Structures are given as C-alpha cells and as structure tokens.
C-alpha cells in the first residue's frame, strides 16, 4: 500500500498512548533503536556522559523537538528498557536480535499507525533539536517523500578516509545517487570535499517504504558496504538528502568518545543543548 492510500484510509485519532493532533498530517514518531551488542563498541548505549547514559542523552534531545512528536526507545535488552523507563521515557520491547536499526523500527511500526518514522540512531549523542525539526518540517510539507536522510558537508580528508563515516554523492535535485564508506572518487581530496556529503544517523522514512525495505532480502551491495539504506536504492527507491550546516561526530569507535567530549565543551551550541538535556526532568 502506498503512502497516499495510507493517508486516505487511516483515521487521525489516538495512537498508542498519545493523542495525535487531527490537524497534522502526516503523523510522525521518533524511534531510537538501541542494543547492547555493538560489535565495534560494546554497550555503547550505556556510556556515561555528564552523569547520563548516551541513550538517555539521545532520547532527551529527541524530546526537545519543537514539534513535540512522540519519542520511543526500541530495544530487546532489559537494561536499556529499564533505564529508559526509570528516566520516565517510553520504552518499547522488541526482539533482541535484529539485522539493523531499521528492521527494529519496522517491528515497532506494526503496532502503530504513524505514517512516517524518524529514525534516530542511539549513537547520535550530539544531534540537535533543530536538525530533527528540519526533517519533520520537510515531511509535513512534502509527505510524498518516502525517505529523507540528514546529510552534512565533509570537512576534512580524515573524514573521507574514515570508513566508519557513511558518505554519499547526490544529484542536483538532492537525490542520493550512491552511498559508500570508502570513496570511489579518484580526484584530489580537496575536490572530493565539494562532491561528497556525510550521511548522518538521522532519517525519516514512510511506513510504506519501511515495509518495502524490511520485507525484502538483504542485498549484496548492502552487505558489501554495511549500509542499510543501500537496500532501498537497489529496490528502486529514492532517498533525498537534507543538508544541515552542523557537522558533529557520532560515536562508533573508542576514539569518537573524546571527539564528542570535546564538542560538548568547545561548541557554544552544544553547551546550550547539553544544559537543557541535563535539566529536562527539573522542569517536569
């Protein structure tokens, strides 16, 4: 079933334990897929920053969105679920083992009737509420978009060489042509900096596209690059990039922890958001 059929057939009423504003269509939820068995950095969801585990930082940043859409943490690990619940968040139990975060979100989607899901990876500790808002705003304006990924500029040769950073090239209309970890371009790095964008771990996907992706077999290209979005491109889908001017690191490796700590100290914007995150419960 395509998106317009979903919009035509579904009522705007109570979704789970939230009352959705009937004047807002499409209906969007933020889902943060989380697990403990990360291969490169085990139990990174529980890493402590300023007295809070990383997953809680990410959840609270999601809740700082000005659109105030529902925020769920989806996991099959009791420690994550209990932690989120203890902090007052909405935790959804899923199967423990999933191929990737998208398939975990797909399991969640089967029990709700949101038309779009904003997938916020649990290692995006430095995500900005404004970045989340920009994705939501775009989907509200153009609900026909099935897949919209936040992108940002590559700032250094090091990012081009870093295979933990997912990158892409786009056409002039913003469509993502290809995603990769190791640059296939052969020109000098200064020239590549203007052609390559970084793929951020924040994207919005329609319920229809989510089903198409997760009901299809994992593709060879997806496996070779270990990039889940490639399956959708191989299926003939279109992914649009939405560029943000801010470029903050995610946490994939031990070396990224120091980068994130430095950003929390050196960036006035991050310091301001961190203060709001740390005092979120004070206002309740």
Protein backbone atom coordinates (compact mmCIF):
# COMPACT_ATOMS: atom_id res chain seq x y z
CA UNK A 1 0.00 0.00 0.00
CA UNK A 2 1.45 3.38 -0.96
CA UNK A 3 1.60 6.45 1.24
CA UNK A 4 -1.45 8.24 -0.18
CA UNK A 5 -3.59 5.15 0.39
CA UNK A 6 -2.39 5.02 3.97
CA UNK A 7 -3.26 8.67 4.46
CA UNK A 8 -6.71 8.15 2.94
CA UNK A 9 -7.53 5.01 4.92
CA UNK A 10 -6.22 5.79 8.39
CA UNK A 11 -8.08 7.85 10.93
CA UNK A 12 -6.42 10.65 12.90
CA UNK A 13 -7.17 9.53 16.45
CA UNK A 14 -5.39 8.02 19.39
CA UNK A 15 -2.09 6.36 18.54
CA UNK A 16 -0.88 4.18 21.41
CA UNK A 17 -0.98 6.41 24.47
CA UNK A 18 -0.68 9.71 22.59
CA UNK A 19 -3.46 11.90 21.24
CA UNK A 20 -2.38 12.99 17.76
CA UNK A 21 -3.43 16.45 16.62
CA UNK A 22 -6.02 15.83 13.86
CA UNK A 23 -4.83 18.95 12.02
CA UNK A 24 -1.38 17.49 11.47
CA UNK A 25 -0.86 15.08 8.59
CA UNK A 26 1.27 13.08 8.18
CA UNK A 27 1.65 11.58 11.62
CA UNK A 28 5.25 11.24 12.75
CA UNK A 29 7.00 9.47 15.60
CA UNK A 30 10.66 9.40 16.58
CA UNK A 31 12.03 5.91 17.23
CA UNK A 32 15.51 5.32 18.67
CA UNK A 33 16.62 1.72 18.03
CA UNK A 34 19.11 0.56 20.64
CA UNK A 35 21.08 -2.55 21.54
CA UNK A 36 23.99 -3.57 23.74
CA UNK A 37 25.89 -5.92 21.43
CA UNK A 38 27.52 -3.31 19.21
CA UNK A 39 30.47 -5.00 17.52
CA UNK A 40 32.85 -2.05 17.37
CA UNK A 41 31.99 -0.56 20.77
CA UNK A 42 30.10 -2.98 23.05
CA UNK A 43 27.43 -1.50 25.33
CA UNK A 44 28.00 1.97 23.89
CA UNK A 45 24.34 2.86 24.55
CA UNK A 46 25.21 2.90 28.26
CA UNK A 47 28.35 5.05 28.00
CA UNK A 48 28.20 7.82 30.57
CA UNK A 49 28.42 11.49 29.61
CA UNK A 50 27.92 14.10 32.32
CA UNK A 51 26.18 11.57 34.53
CA UNK A 52 23.71 10.32 31.92
CA UNK A 53 23.96 7.27 29.65
CA UNK A 54 24.24 8.03 25.95
CA UNK A 55 20.83 6.59 25.08
CA UNK A 56 19.20 8.98 27.56
CA UNK A 57 21.04 11.96 26.05
CA UNK A 58 19.71 10.99 22.62
CA UNK A 59 16.16 10.42 23.88
CA UNK A 60 16.04 13.78 25.63
CA UNK A 61 17.34 15.55 22.55
CA UNK A 62 14.55 13.94 20.56
CA UNK A 63 12.04 15.26 23.05
CA UNK A 64 13.43 18.79 22.65
CA UNK A 65 11.96 18.90 19.14
CA UNK A 66 9.63 21.88 18.84
CA UNK A 67 7.06 19.64 17.14
CA UNK A 68 6.72 17.53 20.31
CA UNK A 69 6.14 14.30 18.41
CA UNK A 70 6.21 11.04 20.41
CA UNK A 71 9.66 9.63 21.17
CA UNK A 72 10.18 5.90 21.72
CA UNK A 73 13.28 3.87 22.51
CA UNK A 74 13.03 0.39 20.95
CA UNK A 75 15.24 -2.39 22.29
CA UNK A 76 15.36 -6.05 23.14
CA UNK A 77 17.73 -5.50 26.06
CA UNK A 78 16.27 -5.29 29.57
CA UNK A 79 18.99 -2.95 30.80
CA UNK A 80 18.16 -0.38 28.15
CA UNK A 81 14.40 -0.75 28.58
CA UNK A 82 14.60 -0.44 32.37
CA UNK A 83 16.94 2.52 32.17
CA UNK A 84 14.67 4.45 29.79
CA UNK A 85 11.60 3.67 31.88
CA UNK A 86 13.36 4.74 35.08
CA UNK A 87 14.08 8.11 33.49
CA UNK A 88 10.43 8.49 32.52
CA UNK A 89 10.82 7.71 28.82
CA UNK A 90 8.67 5.49 26.60
CA UNK A 91 10.40 2.15 26.02
CA UNK A 92 9.14 -0.49 23.60
CA UNK A 93 10.29 -4.07 23.83
CA UNK A 94 11.31 -5.62 20.52
CA UNK A 95 13.01 -8.85 19.57
CA UNK A 96 16.52 -8.95 20.97
CA UNK A 97 18.22 -9.71 17.66
CA UNK A 98 17.65 -7.56 14.60
CA UNK A 99 19.57 -7.19 11.37
CA UNK A 100 19.81 -3.43 11.85
CA UNK A 101 18.08 -0.46 13.39
CA UNK A 102 15.63 -0.09 10.52
CA UNK A 103 14.27 -3.60 10.99
CA UNK A 104 13.80 -2.88 14.70
CA UNK A 105 11.80 0.24 13.84
CA UNK A 106 9.74 -1.81 11.39
CA UNK A 107 8.76 -4.17 14.19
CA UNK A 108 7.60 -1.15 16.20
CA UNK A 109 5.62 0.22 13.25
CA UNK A 110 3.42 -2.87 13.11
CA UNK A 111 1.72 -1.79 16.33
CA UNK A 112 1.11 1.86 15.45
CA UNK A 113 -0.47 3.84 12.64
CA UNK A 114 2.03 6.66 12.20
CA UNK A 115 2.63 7.48 8.56
CA UNK A 116 6.31 8.36 8.98
CA UNK A 117 9.03 7.34 11.40
CA UNK A 118 12.01 9.50 12.18
CA UNK A 119 14.79 7.02 12.92
CA UNK A 120 17.31 8.49 15.34
CA UNK A 121 20.32 6.27 15.87
CA UNK A 122 21.27 5.82 19.50
CA UNK A 123 24.88 6.91 18.92
CA UNK A 124 23.91 10.40 17.70
CA UNK A 125 24.55 11.99 21.09
CA UNK A 126 25.22 15.41 19.51
CA UNK A 127 22.08 15.56 17.37
CA UNK A 128 20.46 18.99 17.51
CA UNK A 129 16.73 19.52 18.05
CA UNK A 130 16.80 21.93 15.09
CA UNK A 131 18.11 19.13 12.87
CA UNK A 132 15.25 16.89 13.95
CA UNK A 133 12.83 19.76 13.34
CA UNK A 134 14.16 20.28 9.81
CA UNK A 135 13.35 16.67 8.88
CA UNK A 136 9.89 16.83 10.42
CA UNK A 137 9.16 20.16 8.73
CA UNK A 138 10.16 18.76 5.33
CA UNK A 139 7.95 15.69 5.75
CA UNK A 140 5.00 17.81 6.85
CA UNK A 141 5.47 19.98 3.76
CA UNK A 142 6.08 17.08 1.36
CA UNK A 143 4.53 13.88 2.74
CA UNK A 144 5.03 12.17 -0.62
CA UNK A 145 8.74 11.83 0.24
CA UNK A 146 9.32 8.24 1.31
CA UNK A 147 12.90 8.55 2.53
CA UNK A 148 14.75 11.64 3.70
CA UNK A 149 18.24 11.42 5.22
CA UNK A 150 20.06 14.20 7.03
CA UNK A 151 23.41 14.98 5.40
CA UNK A 152 26.23 17.39 6.11
CA UNK A 153 29.45 18.51 4.49
CA UNK A 154 32.66 16.55 4.72
CA UNK A 155 35.14 18.87 6.38
CA UNK A 156 38.46 17.06 6.14
CA UNK A 157 40.49 14.43 4.32
CA UNK A 158 40.29 12.37 7.51
CA UNK A 159 36.52 12.02 7.16
CA UNK A 160 36.94 10.85 3.57
CA UNK A 161 39.38 8.17 4.71
CA UNK A 162 37.39 7.16 7.81
CA UNK A 163 35.38 4.06 6.85
CA UNK A 164 33.19 4.39 9.95
CA UNK A 165 31.75 7.53 8.32
CA UNK A 166 29.00 6.74 5.79
CA UNK A 167 29.16 9.08 2.81
CA UNK A 168 27.16 9.79 -0.34
CA UNK A 169 27.01 11.69 -3.61
CA UNK A 170 23.84 13.49 -4.72
CA UNK A 171 22.44 14.84 -7.94
CA UNK A 172 21.49 18.50 -8.40
CA UNK A 173 17.97 17.85 -7.08
CA UNK A 174 19.20 16.40 -3.81
CA UNK A 175 18.62 12.74 -4.70
CA UNK A 176 21.24 10.43 -3.25
CA UNK A 177 22.89 8.50 -6.08
CA UNK A 178 25.12 6.20 -4.07
CA UNK A 179 26.32 5.57 -0.51
CA UNK A 180 29.73 4.28 0.47
CA UNK A 181 32.34 4.12 3.22
CA UNK A 182 35.47 4.29 1.09
CA UNK A 183 35.46 6.98 -1.56
CA UNK A 184 35.19 5.67 -5.15
CA UNK A 185 36.34 9.05 -6.48
CA UNK A 186 39.87 9.37 -7.80
CA UNK A 187 40.30 13.15 -7.81
CA UNK A 188 42.39 15.10 -5.26
CA UNK A 189 40.85 15.20 -1.80
CA UNK A 190 40.16 18.98 -1.92
CA UNK A 191 37.98 18.37 -4.99
CA UNK A 192 36.23 15.45 -3.31
CA UNK A 193 35.29 17.59 -0.32
CA UNK A 194 32.92 19.54 -2.54
CA UNK A 195 31.32 16.45 -4.05
CA UNK A 196 30.84 14.13 -1.07
CA UNK A 197 28.41 14.52 1.81
CA UNK A 198 28.36 12.75 5.15
CA UNK A 199 25.30 10.64 5.92
CA UNK A 200 24.02 11.41 9.41
CA UNK A 201 22.37 8.79 11.59
CA UNK A 202 19.02 10.55 11.44
CA UNK A 203 16.46 9.89 8.73
CA UNK A 204 12.72 9.94 8.12
CA UNK A 205 11.06 7.03 6.33
CA UNK A 206 7.44 6.45 5.41
CA UNK A 207 5.60 3.45 6.76
CA UNK A 208 5.20 2.17 3.21
CA UNK A 209 8.93 2.43 2.44
CA UNK A 210 9.78 0.86 5.79
CA UNK A 211 7.74 -2.21 4.89
CA UNK A 212 9.25 -2.42 1.41
CA UNK A 213 12.78 -2.32 2.81
CA UNK A 214 12.33 -4.78 5.64
CA UNK A 215 10.28 -7.35 3.77
CA UNK A 216 12.92 -7.60 1.03
CA UNK A 217 16.05 -9.72 1.21
CA UNK A 218 19.29 -8.06 2.23
CA UNK A 219 21.12 -7.08 -0.96
CA UNK A 220 24.71 -7.89 -1.90
CA UNK A 221 25.59 -4.22 -2.23
CA UNK A 222 24.14 -3.51 1.21
CA UNK A 223 26.18 -6.34 2.70
CA UNK A 224 29.39 -5.30 0.97
CA UNK A 225 29.17 -1.74 2.30
CA UNK A 226 27.32 -2.47 5.54
CA UNK A 227 24.94 0.41 4.81
CA UNK A 228 21.27 -0.40 5.31
CA UNK A 229 19.97 2.45 3.09
CA UNK A 230 21.53 0.80 0.04
CA UNK A 231 18.83 -1.87 0.02
CA UNK A 232 16.19 0.79 -0.65
CA UNK A 233 18.20 2.26 -3.52
CA UNK A 234 18.65 -1.20 -5.06
CA UNK A 235 14.90 -1.76 -4.81
CA UNK A 236 14.40 1.34 -6.97
CA UNK A 237 13.52 3.72 -4.16
CA UNK A 238 14.60 7.35 -3.96
CA UNK A 239 16.42 8.80 -0.98
CA UNK A 240 16.64 12.57 -0.69
CA UNK A 241 19.35 14.28 1.30
CA UNK A 242 18.52 17.21 3.57
CA UNK A 243 21.68 19.14 4.35
CA UNK A 244 22.46 20.56 7.75
CA UNK A 245 25.27 23.04 8.26
CA UNK A 246 26.42 21.48 11.54
CA UNK A 247 28.83 18.53 11.45
CA UNK A 248 29.25 16.78 14.78
CA UNK A 249 30.72 13.30 15.29
CA UNK A 250 28.73 10.18 16.09
CA UNK A 251 30.09 7.51 18.41
CA UNK A 252 31.25 4.45 16.51
CA UNK A 253 34.71 3.82 17.97
CA UNK A 254 36.51 4.44 21.25
CA UNK A 255 38.34 7.33 19.61
CA UNK A 256 34.99 9.06 18.96
CA UNK A 257 34.29 9.40 22.68
CA UNK A 258 36.96 12.06 23.07
CA UNK A 259 35.69 13.88 19.97
CA UNK A 260 32.19 14.05 21.45
CA UNK A 261 33.50 15.17 24.85
CA UNK A 262 35.47 17.95 23.15
CA UNK A 263 32.41 19.09 21.20
CA UNK A 264 30.33 19.27 24.37
CA UNK A 265 32.94 21.65 25.80
CA UNK A 266 34.06 23.66 22.78
CA UNK A 267 30.77 24.27 20.96
CA UNK A 268 28.56 27.01 22.48
CA UNK A 269 25.58 25.42 20.73
CA UNK A 270 26.32 22.00 22.21
CA UNK A 271 26.84 23.50 25.66
CA UNK A 272 23.43 25.13 25.47
CA UNK A 273 21.69 21.93 24.37
CA UNK A 274 23.57 19.91 26.98
CA UNK A 275 22.32 22.24 29.71
CA UNK A 276 18.74 21.69 28.55
CA UNK A 277 19.26 17.94 28.40
CA UNK A 278 20.71 17.74 31.91
CA UNK A 279 17.84 19.77 33.34
CA UNK A 280 14.99 18.20 31.38
CA UNK A 281 13.48 16.46 34.40
CA UNK A 282 13.81 19.60 36.54
CA UNK A 283 11.03 21.22 34.54
CA UNK A 284 8.63 18.30 34.99
